[in-house]
N, C-alpha and C. Protein backbone atom coordinates (compact mmCIF):
# COMPACT_ATOMS: atom_id res chain seq x y z
N MET A 1 59.73 -1.76 -66.14
CA MET A 1 59.93 -3.21 -66.35
C MET A 1 61.71 -3.14 -66.72
N GLU A 2 62.05 -4.60 -65.96
CA GLU A 2 63.76 -4.69 -65.42
C GLU A 2 63.47 -5.76 -66.94
N PRO A 3 64.59 -5.37 -67.89
CA PRO A 3 65.04 -6.45 -68.53
C PRO A 3 65.31 -7.99 -68.01
N LYS A 4 64.55 -9.38 -68.90
CA LYS A 4 64.91 -10.33 -68.45
C LYS A 4 66.18 -11.17 -69.13
N VAL A 5 66.22 -10.48 -70.43
CA VAL A 5 67.66 -10.94 -71.71
C VAL A 5 68.10 -9.57 -71.63
N SER A 6 69.83 -9.76 -71.57
CA SER A 6 70.70 -8.44 -71.75
C SER A 6 71.54 -8.83 -72.81
N ILE A 7 71.58 -8.55 -74.08
CA ILE A 7 72.45 -8.60 -75.03
C ILE A 7 73.60 -7.53 -75.39
N ILE A 8 74.59 -8.02 -74.99
CA ILE A 8 75.44 -7.29 -75.20
C ILE A 8 76.68 -7.84 -76.09
N MET A 9 77.73 -6.88 -76.55
CA MET A 9 78.07 -7.22 -77.51
C MET A 9 80.24 -5.97 -77.34
N GLY A 10 80.70 -6.57 -78.07
CA GLY A 10 82.12 -6.12 -77.78
C GLY A 10 82.29 -4.59 -78.07
N SER A 11 81.39 -4.47 -79.06
CA SER A 11 81.23 -2.76 -79.91
C SER A 11 80.38 -2.65 -80.57
N THR A 12 79.89 -1.29 -80.99
CA THR A 12 78.47 -1.24 -81.59
C THR A 12 78.77 -1.66 -83.03
N SER A 13 79.84 -1.95 -83.50
CA SER A 13 79.90 -2.45 -84.97
C SER A 13 79.83 -4.03 -85.06
N ASP A 14 79.06 -4.33 -84.03
CA ASP A 14 78.67 -5.78 -84.25
C ASP A 14 76.90 -5.70 -83.88
N MET A 15 76.71 -4.99 -83.61
CA MET A 15 74.93 -4.36 -84.08
C MET A 15 74.69 -4.89 -85.02
N LYS A 16 75.01 -4.81 -86.20
CA LYS A 16 74.08 -5.45 -87.42
C LYS A 16 74.18 -6.76 -87.21
N VAL A 17 74.61 -7.70 -86.58
CA VAL A 17 74.47 -8.81 -86.26
C VAL A 17 73.40 -9.36 -85.05
N MET A 18 73.78 -8.74 -83.73
CA MET A 18 73.25 -8.93 -82.81
C MET A 18 71.63 -8.20 -82.62
N GLU A 19 71.47 -7.20 -84.00
CA GLU A 19 69.77 -6.60 -84.09
C GLU A 19 69.21 -7.67 -83.81
N GLU A 20 69.49 -9.46 -84.90
CA GLU A 20 68.34 -10.21 -85.20
C GLU A 20 68.26 -10.64 -84.18
N ALA A 21 68.88 -10.90 -82.54
CA ALA A 21 68.44 -11.57 -81.26
C ALA A 21 67.17 -10.32 -80.87
N ALA A 22 67.41 -8.89 -80.90
CA ALA A 22 66.96 -8.23 -80.57
C ALA A 22 65.56 -7.98 -81.05
N LYS A 23 65.26 -8.39 -82.75
CA LYS A 23 64.24 -8.57 -83.15
C LYS A 23 63.64 -9.67 -82.83
N PHE A 24 63.86 -10.73 -82.58
CA PHE A 24 63.68 -11.69 -82.19
C PHE A 24 63.07 -11.39 -80.98
N LEU A 25 63.37 -11.25 -79.59
CA LEU A 25 62.93 -10.84 -78.17
C LEU A 25 61.88 -10.18 -78.38
N GLU A 26 61.75 -8.96 -79.28
CA GLU A 26 60.77 -7.98 -79.23
C GLU A 26 59.76 -8.98 -80.03
N GLU A 27 59.72 -9.98 -81.14
CA GLU A 27 58.64 -10.24 -81.50
C GLU A 27 58.04 -11.51 -80.74
N MET A 28 58.83 -11.60 -79.66
CA MET A 28 58.24 -12.88 -78.14
C MET A 28 58.17 -11.61 -76.79
N GLU A 29 58.06 -10.43 -77.35
CA GLU A 29 57.77 -9.66 -76.18
C GLU A 29 58.41 -9.90 -74.93
N ILE A 30 59.92 -10.16 -74.78
CA ILE A 30 60.33 -10.19 -73.97
C ILE A 30 61.64 -8.74 -73.46
N PRO A 31 61.40 -8.87 -72.21
CA PRO A 31 62.05 -6.91 -72.39
C PRO A 31 63.55 -7.90 -72.09
N PHE A 32 64.22 -6.50 -72.80
CA PHE A 32 65.61 -7.07 -72.56
C PHE A 32 66.81 -5.34 -73.04
N GLU A 33 67.42 -5.67 -72.71
CA GLU A 33 68.34 -4.35 -73.02
C GLU A 33 69.50 -4.99 -73.58
N ILE A 34 70.05 -3.34 -74.43
CA ILE A 34 71.43 -3.86 -75.27
C ILE A 34 72.01 -2.64 -75.12
N ASN A 35 73.95 -3.48 -74.79
CA ASN A 35 74.73 -2.56 -74.39
C ASN A 35 76.16 -3.16 -75.09
N ALA A 36 77.30 -2.38 -75.34
CA ALA A 36 78.44 -2.62 -75.51
C ALA A 36 79.44 -2.44 -74.82
N LEU A 37 79.79 -3.60 -74.19
CA LEU A 37 80.85 -4.00 -72.93
C LEU A 37 82.21 -4.47 -73.74
N SER A 38 83.62 -4.05 -73.61
CA SER A 38 84.71 -4.76 -74.43
C SER A 38 85.44 -5.21 -73.08
N ALA A 39 85.30 -6.59 -73.22
CA ALA A 39 86.25 -6.91 -72.03
C ALA A 39 87.85 -6.50 -72.03
N HIS A 40 88.17 -6.14 -72.67
CA HIS A 40 89.74 -5.54 -73.19
C HIS A 40 89.61 -4.28 -73.16
N ARG A 41 88.76 -3.40 -73.23
CA ARG A 41 88.88 -1.59 -73.25
C ARG A 41 88.33 -1.53 -71.90
N VAL A 42 87.03 -2.08 -71.87
CA VAL A 42 86.46 -1.60 -69.90
C VAL A 42 86.26 -2.61 -69.49
N PRO A 43 87.58 -3.17 -68.89
CA PRO A 43 87.26 -4.84 -67.86
C PRO A 43 86.31 -4.59 -66.45
N ASP A 44 86.51 -3.25 -65.92
CA ASP A 44 85.96 -3.38 -64.75
C ASP A 44 84.51 -3.06 -64.78
N MET A 45 83.89 -2.03 -66.10
CA MET A 45 82.89 -1.90 -66.29
C MET A 45 82.08 -3.75 -66.36
N VAL A 46 82.88 -4.49 -67.56
CA VAL A 46 82.18 -5.88 -67.67
C VAL A 46 82.36 -6.82 -66.49
N ALA A 47 82.76 -6.75 -65.59
CA ALA A 47 83.02 -7.14 -64.45
C ALA A 47 82.12 -6.78 -63.89
N ASP A 48 81.81 -5.79 -63.23
CA ASP A 48 80.21 -4.64 -62.60
C ASP A 48 78.81 -5.50 -63.25
N PHE A 49 79.16 -5.62 -64.50
CA PHE A 49 77.97 -6.04 -65.14
C PHE A 49 77.72 -7.60 -64.79
N ALA A 50 78.85 -8.49 -65.05
CA ALA A 50 78.62 -9.64 -64.63
C ALA A 50 78.11 -10.33 -63.52
N HIS A 51 78.72 -9.64 -62.09
CA HIS A 51 78.66 -9.54 -60.86
C HIS A 51 76.55 -9.23 -60.89
N ASN A 52 76.89 -7.84 -61.16
CA ASN A 52 75.06 -7.36 -61.05
C ASN A 52 73.92 -7.60 -61.76
N ALA A 53 74.25 -8.43 -63.05
CA ALA A 53 72.85 -8.80 -63.45
C ALA A 53 71.72 -9.59 -63.40
N HIS A 54 71.99 -10.35 -62.67
CA HIS A 54 71.02 -11.47 -62.17
C HIS A 54 70.10 -10.38 -60.93
N LYS A 55 71.26 -9.08 -60.33
CA LYS A 55 70.14 -8.54 -59.47
C LYS A 55 69.23 -7.32 -59.91
N ARG A 56 69.45 -7.04 -61.14
CA ARG A 56 68.78 -6.37 -61.66
C ARG A 56 67.48 -7.11 -62.46
N GLY A 57 67.61 -8.29 -62.47
CA GLY A 57 66.30 -9.52 -63.05
C GLY A 57 66.53 -9.84 -63.98
N VAL A 58 67.84 -9.51 -64.81
CA VAL A 58 68.45 -10.56 -66.27
C VAL A 58 68.72 -12.43 -65.72
N LYS A 59 67.95 -12.66 -66.45
CA LYS A 59 67.80 -13.79 -66.55
C LYS A 59 68.71 -14.54 -67.31
N VAL A 60 69.22 -14.56 -68.45
CA VAL A 60 69.72 -14.98 -69.62
C VAL A 60 70.51 -13.55 -70.25
N ILE A 61 71.88 -14.25 -70.50
CA ILE A 61 73.06 -13.06 -71.28
C ILE A 61 73.11 -13.59 -72.41
N ILE A 62 73.08 -12.65 -74.10
CA ILE A 62 73.34 -13.11 -74.96
C ILE A 62 74.52 -12.15 -75.16
N ALA A 63 75.99 -12.62 -75.68
CA ALA A 63 77.14 -12.22 -75.57
C ALA A 63 77.73 -12.26 -77.54
N GLY A 64 77.81 -11.40 -77.83
CA GLY A 64 78.61 -11.51 -79.23
C GLY A 64 79.82 -10.76 -79.31
N ALA A 65 80.83 -11.45 -79.78
CA ALA A 65 81.85 -10.79 -79.88
C ALA A 65 82.83 -11.21 -81.17
N GLY A 66 83.64 -10.28 -81.45
CA GLY A 66 84.37 -10.87 -83.21
C GLY A 66 85.64 -11.19 -82.53
N GLY A 67 86.47 -11.48 -83.22
CA GLY A 67 88.45 -11.18 -82.96
C GLY A 67 88.48 -12.17 -82.14
N ALA A 68 89.18 -11.69 -80.71
CA ALA A 68 89.64 -12.83 -79.88
C ALA A 68 88.36 -13.31 -78.67
N ALA A 69 87.25 -12.36 -79.31
CA ALA A 69 85.74 -13.05 -78.82
C ALA A 69 86.07 -13.01 -77.18
N HIS A 70 86.40 -12.53 -76.01
CA HIS A 70 86.69 -12.72 -75.03
C HIS A 70 85.60 -12.94 -73.87
N LEU A 71 84.41 -11.81 -74.12
CA LEU A 71 83.43 -11.13 -73.92
C LEU A 71 82.74 -12.27 -73.35
N PRO A 72 82.04 -12.96 -73.95
CA PRO A 72 81.28 -14.15 -73.63
C PRO A 72 81.69 -15.05 -72.30
N GLY A 73 83.20 -15.73 -72.84
CA GLY A 73 83.75 -16.38 -71.85
C GLY A 73 84.14 -15.28 -70.30
N VAL A 74 84.59 -14.23 -70.46
CA VAL A 74 84.96 -13.49 -69.11
C VAL A 74 83.31 -13.14 -68.27
N ILE A 75 82.11 -12.61 -68.86
CA ILE A 75 80.70 -12.67 -68.47
C ILE A 75 80.57 -14.00 -67.67
N ALA A 76 80.71 -15.38 -68.81
CA ALA A 76 80.59 -16.27 -67.78
C ALA A 76 81.13 -16.68 -66.74
N ALA A 77 82.45 -16.35 -66.57
CA ALA A 77 83.10 -16.48 -65.70
C ALA A 77 83.10 -15.68 -64.28
N SER A 78 81.85 -14.60 -64.75
CA SER A 78 81.57 -14.03 -63.14
C SER A 78 80.17 -13.82 -62.94
N THR A 79 79.48 -15.02 -63.43
CA THR A 79 77.97 -14.38 -63.25
C THR A 79 77.57 -16.24 -63.29
N PRO A 80 76.56 -16.31 -62.33
CA PRO A 80 75.53 -17.16 -62.30
C PRO A 80 74.44 -17.86 -63.47
N LEU A 81 74.38 -16.72 -64.13
CA LEU A 81 73.43 -16.85 -65.43
C LEU A 81 73.88 -17.60 -66.47
N PRO A 82 72.99 -18.11 -67.31
CA PRO A 82 73.20 -19.24 -68.57
C PRO A 82 73.80 -17.41 -69.65
N VAL A 83 75.09 -17.82 -69.98
CA VAL A 83 75.52 -16.92 -71.08
C VAL A 83 75.32 -17.60 -72.57
N ILE A 84 74.98 -17.06 -72.90
CA ILE A 84 74.55 -18.11 -74.48
C ILE A 84 75.44 -16.76 -75.68
N GLY A 85 77.30 -17.46 -76.41
CA GLY A 85 77.62 -16.38 -77.40
C GLY A 85 77.45 -16.77 -78.40
N VAL A 86 77.80 -15.44 -78.86
CA VAL A 86 77.79 -15.52 -80.94
C VAL A 86 78.87 -14.72 -81.25
N PRO A 87 79.44 -15.73 -81.96
CA PRO A 87 81.25 -15.40 -82.38
C PRO A 87 80.48 -14.29 -83.58
N ILE A 88 81.29 -13.04 -84.09
CA ILE A 88 80.96 -12.64 -84.85
C ILE A 88 82.18 -12.34 -86.14
N LYS A 89 82.02 -12.57 -87.25
CA LYS A 89 83.16 -12.29 -88.17
C LYS A 89 83.14 -10.73 -88.36
N SER A 90 84.29 -10.41 -87.74
CA SER A 90 84.38 -8.79 -87.80
C SER A 90 86.12 -8.58 -88.60
N SER A 91 86.07 -7.02 -88.54
CA SER A 91 86.96 -6.70 -89.55
C SER A 91 88.69 -7.30 -89.08
N ASN A 92 88.74 -7.55 -87.92
CA ASN A 92 90.01 -8.35 -87.46
C ASN A 92 89.91 -9.78 -87.54
N SER A 93 88.82 -10.32 -87.47
CA SER A 93 88.88 -11.67 -87.89
C SER A 93 89.44 -13.07 -88.72
N ILE A 94 89.53 -13.72 -88.62
CA ILE A 94 90.40 -14.76 -89.55
C ILE A 94 89.07 -15.51 -89.78
N ASP A 95 88.29 -15.03 -90.37
CA ASP A 95 87.35 -15.54 -91.38
C ASP A 95 86.24 -16.26 -90.38
N GLY A 96 86.13 -15.14 -88.97
CA GLY A 96 85.71 -15.86 -88.10
C GLY A 96 85.94 -17.06 -87.06
N TRP A 97 86.73 -17.74 -87.56
CA TRP A 97 87.06 -19.03 -86.30
C TRP A 97 87.90 -18.75 -85.08
N ASP A 98 88.23 -17.80 -85.60
CA ASP A 98 89.20 -16.99 -84.02
C ASP A 98 88.04 -17.03 -83.45
N SER A 99 87.19 -16.03 -83.55
CA SER A 99 85.80 -16.00 -82.83
C SER A 99 85.09 -17.27 -82.25
N ILE A 100 84.70 -17.93 -83.17
CA ILE A 100 84.16 -19.61 -82.89
C ILE A 100 85.25 -20.19 -81.73
N LEU A 101 86.04 -19.57 -81.98
CA LEU A 101 87.18 -21.02 -81.57
C LEU A 101 87.54 -20.00 -79.73
N SER A 102 87.70 -18.90 -79.63
CA SER A 102 87.70 -18.01 -78.19
C SER A 102 86.17 -18.78 -77.78
N ILE A 103 84.92 -18.76 -78.16
CA ILE A 103 84.05 -18.84 -77.76
C ILE A 103 83.73 -20.38 -77.52
N LEU A 104 83.79 -21.41 -78.05
CA LEU A 104 83.07 -22.51 -77.71
C LEU A 104 84.49 -23.63 -77.26
N GLN A 105 85.75 -22.94 -76.74
CA GLN A 105 86.96 -24.11 -76.01
C GLN A 105 87.07 -23.34 -74.62
N MET A 106 85.76 -23.17 -73.96
CA MET A 106 85.96 -22.90 -72.41
C MET A 106 86.18 -23.88 -71.79
N PRO A 107 86.67 -23.62 -70.59
CA PRO A 107 87.08 -24.76 -69.50
C PRO A 107 86.02 -25.23 -68.75
N SER A 108 86.34 -26.50 -68.12
CA SER A 108 85.14 -27.04 -67.59
C SER A 108 84.93 -25.92 -66.26
N GLY A 109 83.60 -26.23 -66.26
CA GLY A 109 82.71 -25.03 -65.01
C GLY A 109 82.38 -23.60 -65.60
N ILE A 110 82.98 -22.76 -66.92
CA ILE A 110 82.95 -22.11 -67.20
C ILE A 110 82.28 -22.51 -68.67
N PRO A 111 80.40 -22.71 -68.44
CA PRO A 111 80.07 -23.00 -70.12
C PRO A 111 80.04 -21.84 -70.56
N VAL A 112 79.96 -21.45 -72.32
CA VAL A 112 78.93 -20.56 -72.85
C VAL A 112 78.28 -21.19 -73.99
N ALA A 113 77.25 -21.40 -74.07
CA ALA A 113 76.84 -22.18 -75.20
C ALA A 113 77.28 -21.06 -76.78
N THR A 114 77.74 -21.87 -77.22
CA THR A 114 78.27 -20.86 -78.79
C THR A 114 77.45 -21.92 -79.54
N MET A 115 76.92 -20.39 -80.27
CA MET A 115 75.80 -20.37 -81.31
C MET A 115 76.81 -20.27 -82.56
N ALA A 116 76.64 -20.48 -83.99
CA ALA A 116 77.11 -20.72 -84.87
C ALA A 116 77.55 -19.31 -85.07
N LEU A 117 79.03 -18.79 -86.28
CA LEU A 117 79.20 -17.72 -86.93
C LEU A 117 77.96 -16.61 -87.34
N ASP A 118 77.67 -15.30 -86.72
CA ASP A 118 77.15 -14.56 -86.86
C ASP A 118 75.35 -15.14 -86.29
N GLY A 119 75.34 -15.80 -85.58
CA GLY A 119 73.85 -16.33 -85.18
C GLY A 119 73.36 -15.80 -84.39
N ALA A 120 73.23 -14.35 -84.15
CA ALA A 120 72.21 -14.36 -83.25
C ALA A 120 70.65 -14.62 -82.80
N LYS A 121 70.20 -14.33 -84.05
CA LYS A 121 68.86 -14.69 -84.02
C LYS A 121 68.63 -16.47 -83.01
N ASN A 122 68.75 -16.92 -83.15
CA ASN A 122 69.60 -18.22 -82.89
C ASN A 122 69.61 -18.32 -81.29
N ALA A 123 70.64 -17.59 -81.06
CA ALA A 123 70.93 -17.06 -79.74
C ALA A 123 69.38 -16.64 -78.48
N ALA A 124 68.36 -16.17 -79.21
CA ALA A 124 67.61 -15.07 -79.10
C ALA A 124 66.56 -16.15 -78.82
N ILE A 125 66.62 -17.13 -79.78
CA ILE A 125 65.39 -18.69 -80.04
C ILE A 125 66.06 -19.14 -78.46
N LEU A 126 67.03 -19.70 -78.60
CA LEU A 126 67.65 -20.60 -77.13
C LEU A 126 67.12 -19.64 -75.41
N ALA A 127 67.57 -18.33 -75.72
CA ALA A 127 67.55 -17.60 -74.71
C ALA A 127 65.20 -17.73 -74.27
N VAL A 128 64.96 -17.76 -74.84
CA VAL A 128 63.18 -17.69 -74.91
C VAL A 128 62.90 -19.12 -74.31
N GLN A 129 63.65 -20.13 -74.98
CA GLN A 129 63.33 -21.12 -74.83
C GLN A 129 64.04 -22.02 -73.10
N ILE A 130 65.06 -21.21 -72.76
CA ILE A 130 65.25 -20.99 -71.55
C ILE A 130 64.36 -20.31 -70.38
N LEU A 131 63.83 -19.34 -71.21
CA LEU A 131 63.30 -18.67 -69.88
C LEU A 131 61.76 -19.59 -70.39
N ALA A 132 60.94 -19.32 -71.05
CA ALA A 132 59.69 -20.41 -71.49
C ALA A 132 60.04 -21.61 -70.44
N GLY A 133 60.91 -22.46 -70.19
CA GLY A 133 60.59 -23.70 -68.83
C GLY A 133 60.33 -23.18 -67.51
N ALA A 134 60.09 -21.68 -67.48
CA ALA A 134 59.24 -21.34 -66.13
C ALA A 134 58.45 -20.38 -66.21
N ASP A 135 57.83 -20.38 -67.45
CA ASP A 135 57.17 -19.52 -67.95
C ASP A 135 55.98 -19.96 -69.02
N ALA A 136 54.31 -20.68 -68.76
CA ALA A 136 53.87 -21.33 -69.00
C ALA A 136 53.33 -20.40 -70.56
N GLN A 137 52.96 -19.26 -70.34
CA GLN A 137 52.36 -18.60 -71.57
C GLN A 137 53.61 -18.05 -72.22
N LEU A 138 54.66 -17.73 -72.39
CA LEU A 138 55.93 -17.76 -73.16
C LEU A 138 56.14 -19.34 -73.71
N PHE A 139 55.93 -20.48 -72.85
CA PHE A 139 56.36 -21.59 -73.69
C PHE A 139 55.25 -21.91 -74.56
N ALA A 140 53.87 -21.67 -74.18
CA ALA A 140 52.81 -21.55 -75.50
C ALA A 140 52.98 -20.56 -76.60
N LYS A 141 53.73 -19.74 -76.46
CA LYS A 141 54.26 -18.56 -77.25
C LYS A 141 55.19 -19.41 -78.16
N PHE A 142 55.97 -20.17 -77.71
CA PHE A 142 57.30 -20.38 -78.29
C PHE A 142 57.02 -21.35 -79.55
N GLU A 143 55.64 -22.23 -78.80
CA GLU A 143 55.50 -23.41 -79.28
C GLU A 143 54.37 -23.53 -80.53
N LYS A 144 54.14 -22.10 -80.98
CA LYS A 144 53.53 -21.57 -81.86
C LYS A 144 54.10 -21.03 -82.43
N PHE A 145 55.57 -20.27 -82.25
CA PHE A 145 56.69 -20.01 -82.86
C PHE A 145 57.31 -21.44 -83.67
N LYS A 146 57.50 -22.69 -83.17
CA LYS A 146 57.78 -24.04 -83.94
C LYS A 146 56.69 -24.38 -84.59
N SER A 147 55.40 -24.41 -84.47
CA SER A 147 54.56 -24.43 -85.39
C SER A 147 54.35 -23.83 -86.61
N ASP A 148 55.16 -22.87 -86.68
CA ASP A 148 54.60 -21.69 -87.43
C ASP A 148 55.91 -22.13 -88.41
N LEU A 149 57.09 -22.77 -88.08
CA LEU A 149 58.35 -23.27 -88.60
C LEU A 149 57.74 -24.48 -89.60
N ALA A 150 57.27 -25.13 -88.96
CA ALA A 150 56.85 -26.66 -89.67
C ALA A 150 56.13 -26.24 -90.47
N GLY A 151 55.09 -25.02 -90.22
CA GLY A 151 53.97 -25.00 -91.02
C GLY A 151 54.42 -24.28 -92.60
N LYS A 152 55.46 -23.56 -92.35
CA LYS A 152 56.71 -22.87 -93.34
C LYS A 152 57.28 -23.84 -94.47
N ILE A 153 57.97 -25.04 -93.89
CA ILE A 153 57.89 -26.07 -94.46
C ILE A 153 57.31 -27.16 -95.28
N ALA A 154 55.51 -27.43 -94.51
CA ALA A 154 54.89 -27.93 -95.04
C ALA A 154 54.14 -27.10 -96.74
N LYS A 155 54.34 -25.75 -96.53
CA LYS A 155 54.00 -25.10 -98.08
C LYS A 155 55.36 -25.28 -98.50
N ALA A 156 56.37 -24.77 -98.27
CA ALA A 156 57.45 -25.21 -99.46
C ALA A 156 57.41 -26.79 -100.32
N ASN A 157 57.07 -27.57 -99.36
CA ASN A 157 56.97 -29.23 -100.01
C ASN A 157 55.46 -28.76 -100.71
N GLU A 158 54.01 -28.22 -100.50
CA GLU A 158 53.21 -27.97 -101.31
C GLU A 158 53.67 -27.33 -102.77
N GLU A 159 54.98 -26.10 -102.82
CA GLU A 159 54.88 -25.45 -103.58
C GLU A 159 55.80 -26.36 -105.00
N LEU A 160 56.78 -27.29 -104.20
CA LEU A 160 57.53 -27.99 -104.54
C LEU A 160 57.17 -29.22 -105.44
N ALA A 161 55.78 -29.69 -104.76
CA ALA A 161 55.11 -31.18 -105.86
C ALA A 161 54.26 -30.16 -106.90
N GLN A 162 54.11 -28.36 -106.97
CA GLN A 162 53.44 -28.18 -108.32
C GLN A 162 54.64 -28.08 -109.17
N ILE A 163 55.71 -28.79 -109.11
CA ILE A 163 56.55 -28.46 -110.17
C ILE A 163 56.76 -29.50 -110.94
N LYS A 164 56.41 -29.12 -112.17
CA LYS A 164 56.43 -30.00 -113.21
C LYS A 164 57.02 -30.14 -114.87
N ASN A 165 58.09 -29.44 -114.70
CA ASN A 165 59.08 -29.08 -115.64
C ASN A 165 60.24 -29.75 -116.13
N PHE A 166 60.51 -30.94 -115.22
CA PHE A 166 61.66 -31.92 -115.38
C PHE A 166 61.04 -33.34 -115.39
N LYS A 167 61.58 -34.08 -116.72
CA LYS A 167 61.07 -35.46 -117.46
C LYS A 167 61.28 -36.48 -116.30
N TYR A 168 62.18 -36.28 -115.51
CA TYR A 168 62.36 -37.13 -114.30
C TYR A 168 62.13 -37.13 -113.19
N LYS A 169 61.58 -35.83 -112.86
CA LYS A 169 60.81 -35.61 -110.92
C LYS A 169 59.18 -36.57 -111.23
N VAL A 170 59.66 -37.56 -110.05
CA VAL A 170 58.28 -38.02 -109.90
C VAL A 170 57.58 -37.77 -108.31
């Protein structure tokens, strides 16, 4: 089985954030891979990965990085695949703002879809949406996921309607 989504991160310390992407892809039964690739420590490996990921069947790349967070942009510069960036609040980060801005402020022609700080699950959700456009079975599975989300809100509102201990609640 070849991976359809590649989850990469600057170091294994990012795994606690990026595992949320892996969990969602697992739930949706999407083949994926996980690798640590540092744009600063192993630039040749990063370039090789970016140039060849599509040749291995990868369709979407989710790239998480903290601090200066160059990994998603470097990957996006060297691959034809869509790249989803996950800024990570790391030990050397400035409350995550450096990561967010490094991923968000890409030059024209090198887009990176940027998630919220530590938003790896949303990155996986977007990756599934991208893949579902060309896969009717996955599209149906994703529609069920969205329907289940709506069902959770409907249930929450039913529970909130039962609260009677406020004098002015109508």
